[in-house]
Protein backbone atom coordinates (compact mmCIF):
# COMPACT_ATOMS: atom_id res chain seq x y z
CA MET A 1 -14.32 -11.08 -12.78
CA HIS A 2 -12.75 -11.77 -9.34
CA GLU A 3 -10.49 -14.34 -10.96
CA ILE A 4 -9.13 -11.71 -13.35
CA LEU A 5 -8.60 -9.24 -10.50
CA ASP A 6 -6.70 -11.86 -8.47
CA LEU A 7 -4.45 -12.66 -11.42
CA LEU A 8 -3.70 -8.98 -12.09
CA GLN A 9 -3.07 -8.25 -8.43
CA ASN A 10 -0.42 -10.97 -8.32
CA ASN A 11 1.11 -10.10 -11.71
CA SER A 12 0.05 -6.88 -13.43
CA ARG A 13 2.22 -7.74 -16.45
CA LEU A 14 -0.10 -10.52 -17.58
CA THR A 15 -1.56 -9.86 -21.01
CA ALA A 16 -5.22 -10.29 -21.86
CA ALA A 17 -4.23 -13.34 -23.93
CA GLN A 18 -2.47 -14.94 -20.96
CA ILE A 19 -5.41 -14.20 -18.65
CA ALA A 20 -7.79 -15.67 -21.23
CA VAL A 21 -5.83 -18.94 -21.24
CA LEU A 22 -5.68 -19.04 -17.42
CA THR A 23 -9.41 -18.35 -17.00
CA GLY A 24 -10.80 -20.19 -20.01
CA ARG A 25 -12.34 -16.99 -21.42
CA LYS A 26 -11.97 -15.36 -24.81
CA GLU A 27 -9.23 -12.74 -25.15
CA GLN A 28 -11.64 -10.02 -26.30
CA GLU A 29 -13.92 -10.74 -23.33
CA VAL A 30 -10.95 -10.31 -20.96
CA LYS A 31 -9.89 -7.05 -22.67
CA THR A 32 -13.43 -5.68 -22.39
CA MET A 33 -13.68 -6.64 -18.71
CA ILE A 34 -10.32 -5.04 -17.89
CA GLU A 35 -11.28 -1.83 -19.72
CA LYS A 36 -14.54 -1.70 -17.75
CA LEU A 37 -12.71 -2.31 -14.45
CA GLU A 38 -10.24 0.47 -15.27
CA ALA A 39 -13.03 2.87 -16.32
CA ASP A 40 -15.05 2.39 -13.10
CA LYS A 41 -11.87 2.66 -10.98
CA THR A 42 -12.06 -0.91 -9.67
CA ILE A 43 -8.53 -1.21 -11.07
CA ILE A 44 -6.94 2.02 -9.90
CA LYS A 45 -3.30 1.64 -10.89
CA TYR A 46 -0.70 -0.92 -11.91
CA PHE A 47 2.58 -0.84 -10.02
CA THR A 48 5.85 -2.63 -9.51
CA LEU A 49 7.06 -3.75 -6.09
CA ILE A 50 10.74 -2.79 -5.75
CA ASN A 51 13.19 -3.84 -3.07
CA TRP A 52 14.86 -0.42 -2.78
CA GLU A 53 17.46 -1.73 -0.36
CA LYS A 54 18.75 -4.15 -3.03
CA ALA A 55 18.74 -1.28 -5.54
CA GLY A 56 21.04 0.67 -3.22
CA VAL A 57 18.50 3.41 -2.52
CA GLU A 58 18.15 4.62 1.05
CA LYS A 59 14.57 5.30 2.11
CA VAL A 60 13.11 5.73 5.56
CA SER A 61 9.59 4.49 6.20
CA ALA A 62 7.57 5.34 9.27
CA LEU A 63 4.20 4.26 10.56
CA ILE A 64 2.54 7.17 12.32
CA GLU A 65 -0.37 6.64 14.69
CA VAL A 66 -2.71 9.63 14.61
CA LYS A 67 -5.35 10.36 17.25
CA MET A 68 -7.89 12.94 16.22
CA ALA A 69 -11.26 14.43 17.04
CA PRO A 70 -13.97 13.55 14.51
CA GLN A 71 -15.71 16.47 12.82
CA ARG A 72 -19.46 16.94 12.73
CA ASP A 73 -21.11 15.48 9.60
CA VAL A 74 -17.82 14.16 8.10
CA GLY A 75 -16.27 12.17 10.94
CA PHE A 76 -12.62 11.42 10.19
CA ASP A 77 -12.86 11.75 6.40
CA ALA A 78 -11.98 15.45 6.02
CA VAL A 79 -8.81 15.19 8.13
CA ALA A 80 -7.84 11.91 6.46
CA GLU A 81 -8.19 13.60 3.08
CA ARG A 82 -5.89 16.45 4.11
CA ILE A 83 -3.33 13.92 5.28
CA TYR A 84 -3.43 11.60 2.24
CA ARG A 85 -2.89 14.54 -0.13
CA PHE A 86 0.67 15.09 1.16
CA PRO A 87 3.19 13.58 -1.29
CA GLU A 88 5.21 12.04 1.58
CA VAL A 89 2.20 9.92 2.59
CA LYS A 90 2.05 6.52 0.92
CA THR A 91 -0.88 4.92 2.78
CA VAL A 92 -3.63 6.00 5.19
CA HIS A 93 -5.92 3.59 7.05
CA LEU A 94 -8.82 4.37 9.40
CA MET A 95 -8.25 2.07 12.39
CA SER A 96 -10.17 0.70 15.31
CA GLY A 97 -8.49 0.65 18.70
CA ALA A 98 -6.08 2.99 20.44
CA TYR A 99 -5.62 5.44 17.55
CA ASP A 100 -7.71 6.63 14.59
CA LEU A 101 -5.42 6.72 11.55
CA ALA A 102 -2.37 4.70 10.55
CA VAL A 103 -0.26 6.81 8.21
CA LEU A 104 2.67 5.29 6.30
CA VAL A 105 5.23 7.89 5.25
CA GLU A 106 8.37 7.51 3.13
CA GLU A 107 11.26 9.97 3.06
CA VAL A 108 15.01 9.98 2.51
CA THR A 109 16.03 10.67 6.13
CA MET A 110 14.60 10.30 9.64
CA LYS A 111 14.89 14.06 10.05
CA GLU A 112 12.62 14.61 7.03
CA VAL A 113 10.02 12.27 8.55
CA ALA A 114 10.30 14.12 11.87
CA MET A 115 9.88 17.49 10.13
CA PHE A 116 6.83 16.20 8.23
CA VAL A 117 5.22 15.12 11.51
CA ALA A 118 6.14 18.32 13.36
CA THR A 119 5.32 20.89 10.68
CA LYS A 120 2.59 19.32 8.57
CA LEU A 121 0.83 16.48 10.36
CA ALA A 122 0.71 17.57 14.00
CA THR A 123 -0.39 21.10 13.06
CA ILE A 124 -3.61 19.98 11.34
CA GLU A 125 -6.73 21.07 13.20
CA ASN A 126 -8.41 18.15 15.04
CA VAL A 127 -5.18 16.10 15.20
CA LEU A 128 -4.79 15.46 18.92
CA SER A 129 -1.56 13.45 18.98
CA THR A 130 0.85 11.39 16.92
CA ALA A 131 3.24 8.51 17.63
CA THR A 132 5.92 7.73 15.06
CA HIS A 133 7.37 4.25 14.58
CA PHE A 134 10.29 3.88 12.16
CA VAL A 135 10.41 0.76 10.00
CA LEU A 136 13.73 -0.98 10.59
CA LYS A 137 13.41 -3.75 8.00
CA THR A 138 10.67 -5.00 5.68
CA TYR A 139 10.41 -8.75 5.27
CA LYS A 140 7.15 -9.01 3.34
CA GLN A 141 5.20 -6.36 1.47
CA ASN A 142 1.87 -6.57 -0.35
CA GLY A 143 1.89 -10.35 0.07
CA PHE A 144 5.39 -10.84 -1.37
CA ILE A 145 8.51 -11.91 0.52
CA LEU A 146 11.30 -9.46 -0.32
CA GLU A 147 14.28 -11.72 0.40
CA ASP A 148 13.40 -15.39 0.36
CA LYS A 149 16.17 -17.25 2.17
CA GLU A 150 14.51 -20.60 1.54
CA SER A 151 15.61 -21.55 -1.97
CA ASN A 152 14.43 -25.16 -1.87
CA LYS A 153 10.69 -25.12 -1.13
CA ARG A 154 10.18 -28.87 -1.59
CA LEU A 155 8.94 -30.84 1.36
CA VAL A 156 11.37 -33.25 2.93
CA VAL A 157 10.17 -36.81 2.48
CA THR A 158 11.70 -39.58 4.50
CA PRO A 159 11.04 -43.32 4.12
């Protein structure tokens, strides 16, 4: 099962027939396993990684550090849930260290990110402070290099 998940994570366009060949399983067995993984929400969603800069689309991404006070009986979960429900929020991680949540936000302009932080995020009860870091350039995302400058990946062999 982990082998199928690894293959789909690296290329969600693989068909059950292709996965069957790569894993040595029967196609129907692969289809059944994938359906089960989708039904129990192990596979949550299939997506495409897009280099928006190459597509000519301007987007601003920001990583926002959030310090907060945990709530009795629910810890950080209730506040995290309020935050991840905002459509601007792409990712939320509970962190160890200097801050509690890492929130990745995507908007069209820096001003929109600033307004999100000022009017929506910072005003949530139990949020103590925020620190916003704007992403200047993304080199690698979800394990994939966005612009690979190295076209020849062969090792140099000298006599």
